[in-house]
Amino acid sequence: MRASGAWLILLAAFATSASAQEAAAPEPAGLEAPAQDTTVPETPALDAPDIETAEPQPLTTQAELLPERIEIGLSTETIAITSDFAGADLTIFGAVDNVDPLIQRQSRYDVFVVLEGPHANLVTRRKARVLGVWANVDSQGFIDVPESFLIASTRPPQDVTDSDNLARLSLNVSQMRLRPMSDGMIDVDEIDEFSRELRRLKQEGGLYQEFPTGVRFISQSLFRATLRLPANVPLGRHFAKAYLFRQGVLVAQTQAPLEIKKAGAEFQIYKAAQDQSLLYGLAAVLLAFVVGWLGRVIFRRD
C-alpha cells in the first residue's frame, strides 16, 4: 500500500516536471507571430512654401501691337473738263486702321488731306513804272512748284502740330516750300518777297486754298473730306495725299492719283492740233477759204 502510494507520488511529480518543461520550451521561430506596434508615428511638420502675389500686368491690346495705318479713296479717279466746266467738288473718303480707342475718345487723331497738282517751273515778276509805263523790272524763278494746292484738315494746322512739321511737310499755304532758281548769290529778303507774292497770286486765282475743319470723322475710324476744285484747275495728274497725326506726331501717310483732262469736241480739236500740227494748219486754211467763199456767194449783190 505504501509502495503504490510512492509510485503515485513519483508519477505526479514526473507529470508536473514535464508540464513545466513544455511551458518553458521556446516556440519555433517560423511560427512566432510578430508583435504589432500600435504607436502612430508622428508626421514631421512641412514648411508651407512662400507664395508671392504677382501684380496684375496690363493687357496688351491689338492696337498697341500694330501701328496705325491710313487708306484713302476718291469719289472719282478722272475729272473731265468741258467748255462749260465751272468747278467741281471732290470727295475723299478714308479709313484709319489699328486705332487706339483711348486716343480716339480723346479726339487726338488728326488728318490732313492735300490735293497737289502737276509741278512746273514758275517765274514771279515785279512790275514798276518806267517813263510812265508799267514794265517788268525784276523776276525770280522757282523750281518744281505745284500749279494747284488744296488742303483740308480736322482742325486748324497750328492746333495739330508744331511749325517745324508744318514747314517740313508743306501742310499750309504760308509755309509751303518753294525752291528758288539761282545762278549766284541769293538775297534772302528778295526770295521771301517773291515767294509771298507767288502764294498770293495763286490764292487770288483760287488755285491755292485751305479748308480748316474740312476733314470730319464720320465714325471711330472713317473720315471724309470735300475739296472744291476751281474752274481753272490745271490739267494733268494730281495726287491726293493724306497724313495721319497722333497727338501731334506724324504716324502714317498715303496717296492716290487723280487725272484731270479735257473732254468733248474741243478736246479732240486740241489733241489734233498737238499731234498733227501740219494737217491741222492745212485744214484751218482750207476751212477759212471755204467760209470766205460761202460768204461771198451768200452776200453777193447782183
C-alpha atoms as a PDB file:
ATOM      1  CA  MET A   1       0.000   0.000   0.000  1.00  0.00           C
ATOM      2  CA  ARG A   2       2.948   2.243   0.807  1.00  0.00           C
ATOM      3  CA  ALA A   3       4.644   1.214  -2.437  1.00  0.00           C
ATOM      4  CA  SER A   4       1.616   2.092  -4.597  1.00  0.00           C
ATOM      5  CA  GLY A   5       1.325   5.483  -2.939  1.00  0.00           C
ATOM      6  CA  ALA A   6       5.008   6.169  -3.561  1.00  0.00           C
ATOM      7  CA  TRP A   7       4.600   5.364  -7.246  1.00  0.00           C
ATOM      8  CA  LEU A   8       1.635   7.693  -7.461  1.00  0.00           C
ATOM      9  CA  ILE A   9       3.706  10.474  -5.934  1.00  0.00           C
ATOM     10  CA  LEU A  10       6.547   9.857  -8.446  1.00  0.00           C
ATOM     11  CA  LEU A  11       4.127   9.863 -11.431  1.00  0.00           C
ATOM     12  CA  ALA A  12       2.577  13.107 -10.241  1.00  0.00           C
ATOM     13  CA  ALA A  13       5.998  14.683  -9.834  1.00  0.00           C
ATOM     14  CA  PHE A  14       7.098  13.487 -13.297  1.00  0.00           C
ATOM     15  CA  ALA A  15       3.902  14.847 -14.875  1.00  0.00           C
ATOM     16  CA  THR A  16       4.446  18.181 -13.144  1.00  0.00           C
ATOM     17  CA  SER A  17       8.079  18.319 -14.346  1.00  0.00           C
ATOM     18  CA  ALA A  18       7.078  17.534 -17.933  1.00  0.00           C
ATOM     19  CA  SER A  19       4.418  20.211 -17.917  1.00  0.00           C
ATOM     20  CA  ALA A  20       6.925  22.714 -16.610  1.00  0.00           C
ATOM     21  CA  GLN A  21       9.439  21.835 -19.369  1.00  0.00           C
ATOM     22  CA  GLU A  22       6.759  22.176 -22.108  1.00  0.00           C
ATOM     23  CA  ALA A  23       5.801  25.569 -20.760  1.00  0.00           C
ATOM     24  CA  ALA A  24       9.433  26.686 -20.650  1.00  0.00           C
ATOM     25  CA  ALA A  25      10.317  25.393 -24.131  1.00  0.00           C
ATOM     26  CA  PRO A  26      10.508  28.233 -26.772  1.00  0.00           C
ATOM     27  CA  GLU A  27       8.147  28.164 -29.726  1.00  0.00           C
ATOM     28  CA  PRO A  28       9.604  27.553 -33.214  1.00  0.00           C
ATOM     29  CA  ALA A  29      10.916  30.716 -34.948  1.00  0.00           C
ATOM     30  CA  GLY A  30       8.779  30.211 -38.040  1.00  0.00           C
ATOM     31  CA  LEU A  31       5.582  30.136 -36.096  1.00  0.00           C
ATOM     32  CA  GLU A  32       6.272  33.171 -33.924  1.00  0.00           C
ATOM     33  CA  ALA A  33       3.699  35.892 -34.534  1.00  0.00           C
ATOM     34  CA  PRO A  34       5.311  39.337 -34.997  1.00  0.00           C
ATOM     35  CA  ALA A  35       4.490  41.883 -32.438  1.00  0.00           C
ATOM     36  CA  GLN A  36       2.405  44.726 -33.776  1.00  0.00           C
ATOM     37  CA  ASP A  37       3.452  48.244 -32.846  1.00  0.00           C
ATOM     38  CA  THR A  38       0.290  50.214 -32.285  1.00  0.00           C
ATOM     39  CA  THR A  39       2.146  53.508 -31.780  1.00  0.00           C
ATOM     40  CA  VAL A  40       1.198  56.005 -34.506  1.00  0.00           C
ATOM     41  CA  PRO A  41       4.369  57.669 -35.864  1.00  0.00           C
ATOM     42  CA  GLU A  42       4.443  61.399 -35.694  1.00  0.00           C
ATOM     43  CA  THR A  43       4.285  63.135 -39.087  1.00  0.00           C
ATOM     44  CA  PRO A  44       7.009  65.753 -39.434  1.00  0.00           C
ATOM     45  CA  ALA A  45       5.598  69.208 -39.990  1.00  0.00           C
ATOM     46  CA  LEU A  46       6.169  70.524 -43.545  1.00  0.00           C
ATOM     47  CA  ASP A  47       7.098  74.148 -44.024  1.00  0.00           C
ATOM     48  CA  ALA A  48       4.476  75.906 -46.172  1.00  0.00           C
ATOM     49  CA  PRO A  49       6.060  77.458 -49.306  1.00  0.00           C
ATOM     50  CA  ASP A  50       6.096  81.214 -49.553  1.00  0.00           C
ATOM     51  CA  ILE A  51       3.500  82.379 -52.076  1.00  0.00           C
ATOM     52  CA  GLU A  52       4.201  85.739 -53.680  1.00  0.00           C
ATOM     53  CA  THR A  53       1.248  87.676 -55.017  1.00  0.00           C
ATOM     54  CA  ALA A  54       2.053  88.784 -58.562  1.00  0.00           C
ATOM     55  CA  GLU A  55       0.880  92.226 -59.542  1.00  0.00           C
ATOM     56  CA  PRO A  56      -1.626  92.170 -62.438  1.00  0.00           C
ATOM     57  CA  GLN A  57       0.031  93.050 -65.736  1.00  0.00           C
ATOM     58  CA  PRO A  58      -1.777  95.425 -68.087  1.00  0.00           C
ATOM     59  CA  LEU A  59      -3.363  93.715 -71.051  1.00  0.00           C
ATOM     60  CA  THR A  60      -1.717  94.459 -74.387  1.00  0.00           C
ATOM     61  CA  THR A  61      -4.351  95.372 -76.917  1.00  0.00           C
ATOM     62  CA  GLN A  62      -4.181  94.728 -80.637  1.00  0.00           C
ATOM     63  CA  ALA A  63      -3.936  98.461 -81.304  1.00  0.00           C
ATOM     64  CA  GLU A  64      -0.772  98.684 -79.163  1.00  0.00           C
ATOM     65  CA  LEU A  65       0.906  95.878 -81.083  1.00  0.00           C
ATOM     66  CA  LEU A  66       0.206  97.182 -84.586  1.00  0.00           C
ATOM     67  CA  PRO A  67       0.941 100.711 -85.820  1.00  0.00           C
ATOM     68  CA  GLU A  68      -1.799 102.872 -87.233  1.00  0.00           C
ATOM     69  CA  ARG A  69      -2.364 102.878 -90.987  1.00  0.00           C
ATOM     70  CA  ILE A  70      -4.341 105.212 -93.210  1.00  0.00           C
ATOM     71  CA  GLU A  71      -6.041 104.494 -96.513  1.00  0.00           C
ATOM     72  CA  ILE A  72      -7.997 106.782 -98.846  1.00  0.00           C
ATOM     73  CA  GLY A  73     -10.300 106.517-101.851  1.00  0.00           C
ATOM     74  CA  LEU A  74     -11.575 109.185-104.244  1.00  0.00           C
ATOM     75  CA  SER A  75     -15.158 109.691-105.349  1.00  0.00           C
ATOM     76  CA  THR A  76     -13.811 109.638-108.923  1.00  0.00           C
ATOM     77  CA  GLU A  77     -10.439 108.872-110.459  1.00  0.00           C
ATOM     78  CA  THR A  78     -10.945 111.062-113.547  1.00  0.00           C
ATOM     79  CA  ILE A  79     -12.462 114.520-113.972  1.00  0.00           C
ATOM     80  CA  ALA A  80     -13.422 115.613-117.481  1.00  0.00           C
ATOM     81  CA  ILE A  81     -13.117 119.301-118.320  1.00  0.00           C
ATOM     82  CA  THR A  82     -15.639 120.549-120.880  1.00  0.00           C
ATOM     83  CA  SER A  83     -16.348 124.028-122.253  1.00  0.00           C
ATOM     84  CA  ASP A  84     -18.973 124.700-119.557  1.00  0.00           C
ATOM     85  CA  PHE A  85     -16.876 123.434-116.631  1.00  0.00           C
ATOM     86  CA  ALA A  86     -17.367 125.766-113.658  1.00  0.00           C
ATOM     87  CA  GLY A  87     -15.592 123.800-110.946  1.00  0.00           C
ATOM     88  CA  ALA A  88     -16.408 120.605-109.090  1.00  0.00           C
ATOM     89  CA  ASP A  89     -16.458 119.077-105.618  1.00  0.00           C
ATOM     90  CA  LEU A  90     -14.083 116.204-104.953  1.00  0.00           C
ATOM     91  CA  THR A  91     -14.910 113.931-102.006  1.00  0.00           C
ATOM     92  CA  ILE A  92     -12.139 111.884-100.447  1.00  0.00           C
ATOM     93  CA  PHE A  93     -13.021 109.016 -98.111  1.00  0.00           C
ATOM     94  CA  GLY A  94     -10.522 107.451 -95.749  1.00  0.00           C
ATOM     95  CA  ALA A  95     -10.076 104.871 -93.019  1.00  0.00           C
ATOM     96  CA  VAL A  96      -7.663 104.582 -90.111  1.00  0.00           C
ATOM     97  CA  ASP A  97      -6.666 101.045 -89.131  1.00  0.00           C
ATOM     98  CA  ASN A  98      -5.496  99.871 -85.684  1.00  0.00           C
ATOM     99  CA  VAL A  99      -6.799 102.929 -83.858  1.00  0.00           C
ATOM    100  CA  ASP A 100      -6.225 103.289 -80.140  1.00  0.00           C
ATOM    101  CA  PRO A 101      -9.698 103.615 -78.553  1.00  0.00           C
ATOM    102  CA  LEU A 102      -8.400 105.823 -75.733  1.00  0.00           C
ATOM    103  CA  ILE A 103      -6.682 108.243 -78.115  1.00  0.00           C
ATOM    104  CA  GLN A 104      -9.765 108.258 -80.328  1.00  0.00           C
ATOM    105  CA  ARG A 105     -12.070 109.100 -77.420  1.00  0.00           C
ATOM    106  CA  GLN A 106      -9.788 111.996 -76.561  1.00  0.00           C
ATOM    107  CA  SER A 107     -10.022 113.236 -80.204  1.00  0.00           C
ATOM    108  CA  ARG A 108      -6.238 113.167 -80.504  1.00  0.00           C
ATOM    109  CA  TYR A 109      -6.182 111.786 -84.043  1.00  0.00           C
ATOM    110  CA  ASP A 110      -5.888 114.440 -86.773  1.00  0.00           C
ATOM    111  CA  VAL A 111      -5.873 114.091 -90.548  1.00  0.00           C
ATOM    112  CA  PHE A 112      -4.609 116.379 -93.303  1.00  0.00           C
ATOM    113  CA  VAL A 113      -5.839 115.824 -96.866  1.00  0.00           C
ATOM    114  CA  VAL A 114      -3.921 117.535 -99.683  1.00  0.00           C
ATOM    115  CA  LEU A 115      -4.686 117.658-103.411  1.00  0.00           C
ATOM    116  CA  GLU A 116      -1.487 118.655-105.169  1.00  0.00           C
ATOM    117  CA  GLY A 117      -1.482 119.499-108.867  1.00  0.00           C
ATOM    118  CA  PRO A 118       1.189 118.929-111.517  1.00  0.00           C
ATOM    119  CA  HIS A 119       4.562 120.544-110.865  1.00  0.00           C
ATOM    120  CA  ALA A 120       6.205 123.122-113.133  1.00  0.00           C
ATOM    121  CA  ASN A 121       8.863 125.820-113.045  1.00  0.00           C
ATOM    122  CA  LEU A 122       7.247 129.210-112.426  1.00  0.00           C
ATOM    123  CA  VAL A 123       8.534 132.776-112.614  1.00  0.00           C
ATOM    124  CA  THR A 124       7.301 135.686-110.495  1.00  0.00           C
ATOM    125  CA  ARG A 125       7.838 139.158-111.945  1.00  0.00           C
ATOM    126  CA  ARG A 126       7.822 142.563-110.280  1.00  0.00           C
ATOM    127  CA  LYS A 127       6.348 145.468-112.216  1.00  0.00           C
ATOM    128  CA  ALA A 128       7.090 149.154-111.813  1.00  0.00           C
ATOM    129  CA  ARG A 129       6.524 152.385-113.712  1.00  0.00           C
ATOM    130  CA  VAL A 130       9.255 153.202-116.165  1.00  0.00           C
ATOM    131  CA  LEU A 131       8.776 156.503-118.013  1.00  0.00           C
ATOM    132  CA  GLY A 132       5.087 156.368-117.212  1.00  0.00           C
ATOM    133  CA  VAL A 133       4.650 152.778-118.470  1.00  0.00           C
ATOM    134  CA  TRP A 134       4.260 149.660-116.333  1.00  0.00           C
ATOM    135  CA  ALA A 135       7.089 147.239-117.124  1.00  0.00           C
ATOM    136  CA  ASN A 136       8.729 144.165-115.642  1.00  0.00           C
ATOM    137  CA  VAL A 137      11.769 145.338-113.713  1.00  0.00           C
ATOM    138  CA  ASP A 138      12.715 142.205-111.792  1.00  0.00           C
ATOM    139  CA  SER A 139      11.862 138.496-111.652  1.00  0.00           C
ATOM    140  CA  GLN A 140      12.532 135.339-109.691  1.00  0.00           C
ATOM    141  CA  GLY A 141      12.076 131.748-110.836  1.00  0.00           C
ATOM    142  CA  PHE A 142      11.078 128.765-108.697  1.00  0.00           C
ATOM    143  CA  ILE A 143      11.665 125.086-109.400  1.00  0.00           C
ATOM    144  CA  ASP A 144       9.098 122.294-109.269  1.00  0.00           C
ATOM    145  CA  VAL A 145       6.190 124.326-107.914  1.00  0.00           C
ATOM    146  CA  PRO A 146       2.718 122.713-107.683  1.00  0.00           C
ATOM    147  CA  GLU A 147       0.326 124.507-110.030  1.00  0.00           C
ATOM    148  CA  SER A 148      -2.539 123.899-107.605  1.00  0.00           C
ATOM    149  CA  PHE A 149      -2.585 123.164-103.895  1.00  0.00           C
ATOM    150  CA  LEU A 150      -5.774 122.417-101.930  1.00  0.00           C
ATOM    151  CA  ILE A 151      -5.565 121.309 -98.303  1.00  0.00           C
ATOM    152  CA  ALA A 152      -8.139 120.346 -95.657  1.00  0.00           C
ATOM    153  CA  SER A 153      -7.667 119.258 -92.037  1.00  0.00           C
ATOM    154  CA  THR A 154      -9.611 118.188 -88.986  1.00  0.00           C
ATOM    155  CA  ARG A 155      -8.512 121.303 -87.109  1.00  0.00           C
ATOM    156  CA  PRO A 156      -6.563 124.460 -87.946  1.00  0.00           C
ATOM    157  CA  PRO A 157      -2.983 123.372 -88.778  1.00  0.00           C
ATOM    158  CA  GLN A 158      -1.362 125.304 -85.932  1.00  0.00           C
ATOM    159  CA  ASP A 159      -3.561 123.410 -83.452  1.00  0.00           C
ATOM    160  CA  VAL A 160      -2.470 119.998 -84.744  1.00  0.00           C
ATOM    161  CA  THR A 161       1.328 120.076 -84.731  1.00  0.00           C
ATOM    162  CA  ASP A 162       4.270 122.457 -84.444  1.00  0.00           C
ATOM    163  CA  SER A 163       5.550 124.870 -87.053  1.00  0.00           C
ATOM    164  CA  ASP A 164       8.551 122.701 -87.943  1.00  0.00           C
ATOM    165  CA  ASN A 165       6.339 119.805 -89.026  1.00  0.00           C
ATOM    166  CA  LEU A 166       4.061 122.116 -90.993  1.00  0.00           C
ATOM    167  CA  ALA A 167       7.009 123.559 -92.880  1.00  0.00           C
ATOM    168  CA  ARG A 168       8.723 120.215 -93.435  1.00  0.00           C
ATOM    169  CA  LEU A 169       5.589 118.588 -94.860  1.00  0.00           C
ATOM    170  CA  SER A 170       4.180 121.760 -96.524  1.00  0.00           C
ATOM    171  CA  LEU A 171       0.871 121.440 -94.688  1.00  0.00           C
ATOM    172  CA  ASN A 172      -0.320 125.006 -95.155  1.00  0.00           C
ATOM    173  CA  VAL A 173      -0.018 127.565 -97.919  1.00  0.00           C
ATOM    174  CA  SER A 174       2.058 130.086 -95.997  1.00  0.00           C
ATOM    175  CA  GLN A 175       4.735 127.503 -95.162  1.00  0.00           C
ATOM    176  CA  MET A 176       4.778 125.596 -98.439  1.00  0.00           C
ATOM    177  CA  ARG A 177       8.353 125.007 -99.524  1.00  0.00           C
ATOM    178  CA  LEU A 178       9.477 126.814-102.685  1.00  0.00           C
ATOM    179  CA  ARG A 179      12.882 126.227-104.236  1.00  0.00           C
ATOM    180  CA  PRO A 180      14.283 129.337-105.924  1.00  0.00           C
ATOM    181  CA  MET A 181      16.305 129.283-109.118  1.00  0.00           C
ATOM    182  CA  SER A 182      19.730 130.708-108.517  1.00  0.00           C
ATOM    183  CA  ASP A 183      22.865 131.251-110.577  1.00  0.00           C
ATOM    184  CA  GLY A 184      24.875 133.004-107.925  1.00  0.00           C
ATOM    185  CA  MET A 185      24.328 134.929-104.724  1.00  0.00           C
ATOM    186  CA  ILE A 186      20.867 134.679-103.154  1.00  0.00           C
ATOM    187  CA  ASP A 187      19.193 137.628-101.458  1.00  0.00           C
ATOM    188  CA  VAL A 188      17.077 136.022 -98.742  1.00  0.00           C
ATOM    189  CA  ASP A 189      14.803 139.045 -98.367  1.00  0.00           C
ATOM    190  CA  GLU A 190      14.156 139.148-102.108  1.00  0.00           C
ATOM    191  CA  ILE A 191      13.395 135.425-102.197  1.00  0.00           C
ATOM    192  CA  ASP A 192      10.934 135.756 -99.315  1.00  0.00           C
ATOM    193  CA  GLU A 193       9.168 138.658-101.018  1.00  0.00           C
ATOM    194  CA  PHE A 194       8.816 136.840-104.342  1.00  0.00           C
ATOM    195  CA  SER A 195       7.659 133.688-102.524  1.00  0.00           C
ATOM    196  CA  ARG A 196       4.915 135.582-100.705  1.00  0.00           C
ATOM    197  CA  GLU A 197       3.770 137.188-103.935  1.00  0.00           C
ATOM    198  CA  LEU A 198       3.664 133.847-105.721  1.00  0.00           C
ATOM    199  CA  ARG A 199       1.463 132.374-102.995  1.00  0.00           C
ATOM    200  CA  ARG A 200      -0.749 135.473-103.010  1.00  0.00           C
ATOM    201  CA  LEU A 201      -1.306 135.328-106.760  1.00  0.00           C
ATOM    202  CA  LYS A 202      -2.137 131.630-106.574  1.00  0.00           C
ATOM    203  CA  GLN A 203      -4.600 132.212-103.744  1.00  0.00           C
ATOM    204  CA  GLU A 204      -6.300 135.041-105.598  1.00  0.00           C
ATOM    205  CA  GLY A 205      -6.686 132.738-108.600  1.00  0.00           C
ATOM    206  CA  GLY A 206      -8.284 130.055-106.419  1.00  0.00           C
ATOM    207  CA  LEU A 207      -5.502 127.552-107.095  1.00  0.00           C
ATOM    208  CA  TYR A 208      -4.120 127.601-103.542  1.00  0.00           C
ATOM    209  CA  GLN A 209      -6.854 127.088-100.944  1.00  0.00           C
ATOM    210  CA  GLU A 210      -7.103 125.988 -97.314  1.00  0.00           C
ATOM    211  CA  PHE A 211     -10.131 124.296 -95.729  1.00  0.00           C
ATOM    212  CA  PRO A 212      -9.679 124.205 -91.925  1.00  0.00           C
ATOM    213  CA  THR A 213     -12.048 121.675 -90.342  1.00  0.00           C
ATOM    214  CA  GLY A 214     -12.700 120.333 -93.847  1.00  0.00           C
ATOM    215  CA  VAL A 215     -11.963 116.773 -92.684  1.00  0.00           C
ATOM    216  CA  ARG A 216     -14.563 115.110 -90.461  1.00  0.00           C
ATOM    217  CA  PHE A 217     -14.590 111.730 -88.739  1.00  0.00           C
ATOM    218  CA  ILE A 218     -17.916 110.052 -89.521  1.00  0.00           C
ATOM    219  CA  SER A 219     -17.192 107.053 -87.260  1.00  0.00           C
ATOM    220  CA  GLN A 220     -14.444 105.829 -84.964  1.00  0.00           C
ATOM    221  CA  SER A 221     -12.112 105.074 -87.891  1.00  0.00           C
ATOM    222  CA  LEU A 222     -13.736 106.551 -91.037  1.00  0.00           C
ATOM    223  CA  PHE A 223     -13.330 110.136 -92.225  1.00  0.00           C
ATOM    224  CA  ARG A 224     -14.408 112.269 -95.167  1.00  0.00           C
ATOM    225  CA  ALA A 225     -13.006 115.401 -96.798  1.00  0.00           C
ATOM    226  CA  THR A 226     -14.528 117.589 -99.521  1.00  0.00           C
ATOM    227  CA  LEU A 227     -12.354 119.858-101.684  1.00  0.00           C
ATOM    228  CA  ARG A 228     -13.676 122.461-104.114  1.00  0.00           C
ATOM    229  CA  LEU A 229     -11.843 122.405-107.449  1.00  0.00           C
ATOM    230  CA  PRO A 230     -11.730 125.803-109.177  1.00  0.00           C
ATOM    231  CA  ALA A 231     -12.847 126.301-112.772  1.00  0.00           C
ATOM    232  CA  ASN A 232      -9.228 126.979-113.815  1.00  0.00           C
ATOM    233  CA  VAL A 233      -7.839 123.793-112.260  1.00  0.00           C
ATOM    234  CA  PRO A 234      -4.747 122.704-114.244  1.00  0.00           C
ATOM    235  CA  LEU A 235      -4.865 119.646-116.464  1.00  0.00           C
ATOM    236  CA  GLY A 236      -2.738 116.606-115.771  1.00  0.00           C
ATOM    237  CA  ARG A 237      -2.150 114.129-112.980  1.00  0.00           C
ATOM    238  CA  HIS A 238      -2.896 115.296-109.463  1.00  0.00           C
ATOM    239  CA  PHE A 239      -2.156 113.434-106.247  1.00  0.00           C
ATOM    240  CA  ALA A 240      -4.406 113.261-103.202  1.00  0.00           C
ATOM    241  CA  LYS A 241      -2.285 112.807-100.085  1.00  0.00           C
ATOM    242  CA  ALA A 242      -3.396 112.021 -96.539  1.00  0.00           C
ATOM    243  CA  TYR A 243      -1.343 112.488 -93.353  1.00  0.00           C
ATOM    244  CA  LEU A 244      -2.350 110.932 -90.019  1.00  0.00           C
ATOM    245  CA  PHE A 245      -1.191 112.593 -86.799  1.00  0.00           C
ATOM    246  CA  ARG A 246      -1.409 111.067 -83.331  1.00  0.00           C
ATOM    247  CA  GLN A 247      -1.071 113.630 -80.552  1.00  0.00           C
ATOM    248  CA  GLY A 248       0.795 115.957 -82.906  1.00  0.00           C
ATOM    249  CA  VAL A 249       3.177 113.300 -84.261  1.00  0.00           C
ATOM    250  CA  LEU A 250       3.033 112.005 -87.837  1.00  0.00           C
ATOM    251  CA  VAL A 251       2.398 108.231 -87.765  1.00  0.00           C
ATOM    252  CA  ALA A 252       1.184 107.342 -91.283  1.00  0.00           C
ATOM    253  CA  GLN A 253       0.610 108.760 -94.752  1.00  0.00           C
ATOM    254  CA  THR A 254      -0.639 107.603 -98.145  1.00  0.00           C
ATOM    255  CA  GLN A 255      -1.618 108.974-101.562  1.00  0.00           C
ATOM    256  CA  ALA A 256      -3.843 108.262-104.566  1.00  0.00           C
ATOM    257  CA  PRO A 257      -3.770 109.669-108.139  1.00  0.00           C
ATOM    258  CA  LEU A 258      -6.400 111.833-109.814  1.00  0.00           C
ATOM    259  CA  GLU A 259      -6.464 112.533-113.551  1.00  0.00           C
ATOM    260  CA  ILE A 260      -7.939 115.802-114.845  1.00  0.00           C
ATOM    261  CA  LYS A 261      -8.240 116.080-118.624  1.00  0.00           C
ATOM    262  CA  LYS A 262     -10.273 117.738-121.317  1.00  0.00           C
ATOM    263  CA  ALA A 263     -13.232 116.028-122.962  1.00  0.00           C
ATOM    264  CA  GLY A 264     -15.668 116.672-125.804  1.00  0.00           C
ATOM    265  CA  ALA A 265     -15.214 118.060-129.331  1.00  0.00           C
ATOM    266  CA  GLU A 266     -12.893 120.866-128.217  1.00  0.00           C
ATOM    267  CA  PHE A 267     -10.566 118.281-126.676  1.00  0.00           C
ATOM    268  CA  GLN A 268     -10.429 116.346-129.940  1.00  0.00           C
ATOM    269  CA  ILE A 269      -9.558 119.551-131.825  1.00  0.00           C
ATOM    270  CA  TYR A 270      -6.909 120.387-129.235  1.00  0.00           C
ATOM    271  CA  LYS A 271      -5.436 116.897-129.461  1.00  0.00           C
ATOM    272  CA  ALA A 272      -5.355 117.037-133.275  1.00  0.00           C
ATOM    273  CA  ALA A 273      -3.569 120.405-133.167  1.00  0.00           C
ATOM    274  CA  GLN A 274      -0.923 118.922-130.847  1.00  0.00           C
ATOM    275  CA  ASP A 275      -0.453 115.563-132.571  1.00  0.00           C
ATOM    276  CA  GLN A 276      -0.971 116.536-136.270  1.00  0.00           C
ATOM    277  CA  SER A 277       0.061 120.166-136.401  1.00  0.00           C
ATOM    278  CA  LEU A 278       0.709 120.274-140.198  1.00  0.00           C
ATOM    279  CA  LEU A 279      -2.613 118.721-141.111  1.00  0.00           C
ATOM    280  CA  TYR A 280      -4.354 120.939-138.560  1.00  0.00           C
ATOM    281  CA  GLY A 281      -2.847 124.042-140.137  1.00  0.00           C
ATOM    282  CA  LEU A 282      -3.825 122.986-143.681  1.00  0.00           C
ATOM    283  CA  ALA A 283      -7.355 122.185-142.529  1.00  0.00           C
ATOM    284  CA  ALA A 284      -7.640 125.580-140.848  1.00  0.00           C
ATOM    285  CA  VAL A 285      -6.531 127.389-144.039  1.00  0.00           C
ATOM    286  CA  LEU A 286      -8.930 125.318-146.133  1.00  0.00           C
ATOM    287  CA  LEU A 287     -11.792 125.985-143.721  1.00  0.00           C
ATOM    288  CA  ALA A 288     -11.101 129.730-143.824  1.00  0.00           C
ATOM    289  CA  PHE A 289     -11.077 129.673-147.659  1.00  0.00           C
ATOM    290  CA  VAL A 290     -14.385 127.789-147.782  1.00  0.00           C
ATOM    291  CA  VAL A 291     -16.067 130.081-145.256  1.00  0.00           C
ATOM    292  CA  GLY A 292     -14.875 133.143-147.185  1.00  0.00           C
ATOM    293  CA  TRP A 293     -16.100 131.783-150.469  1.00  0.00           C
ATOM    294  CA  LEU A 294     -19.517 130.880-148.999  1.00  0.00           C
ATOM    295  CA  GLY A 295     -19.829 134.344-147.522  1.00  0.00           C
ATOM    296  CA  ARG A 296     -19.080 135.899-150.889  1.00  0.00           C
ATOM    297  CA  VAL A 297     -21.703 133.708-152.582  1.00  0.00           C
ATOM    298  CA  ILE A 298     -24.391 134.292-149.980  1.00  0.00           C
ATOM    299  CA  PHE A 299     -23.979 138.044-149.683  1.00  0.00           C
ATOM    300  CA  ARG A 300     -23.190 138.705-153.328  1.00  0.00           C
ATOM    301  CA  ARG A 301     -25.000 141.666-154.839  1.00  0.00           C
ATOM    302  CA  ASP A 302     -26.247 141.307-158.405  1.00  0.00           C
END
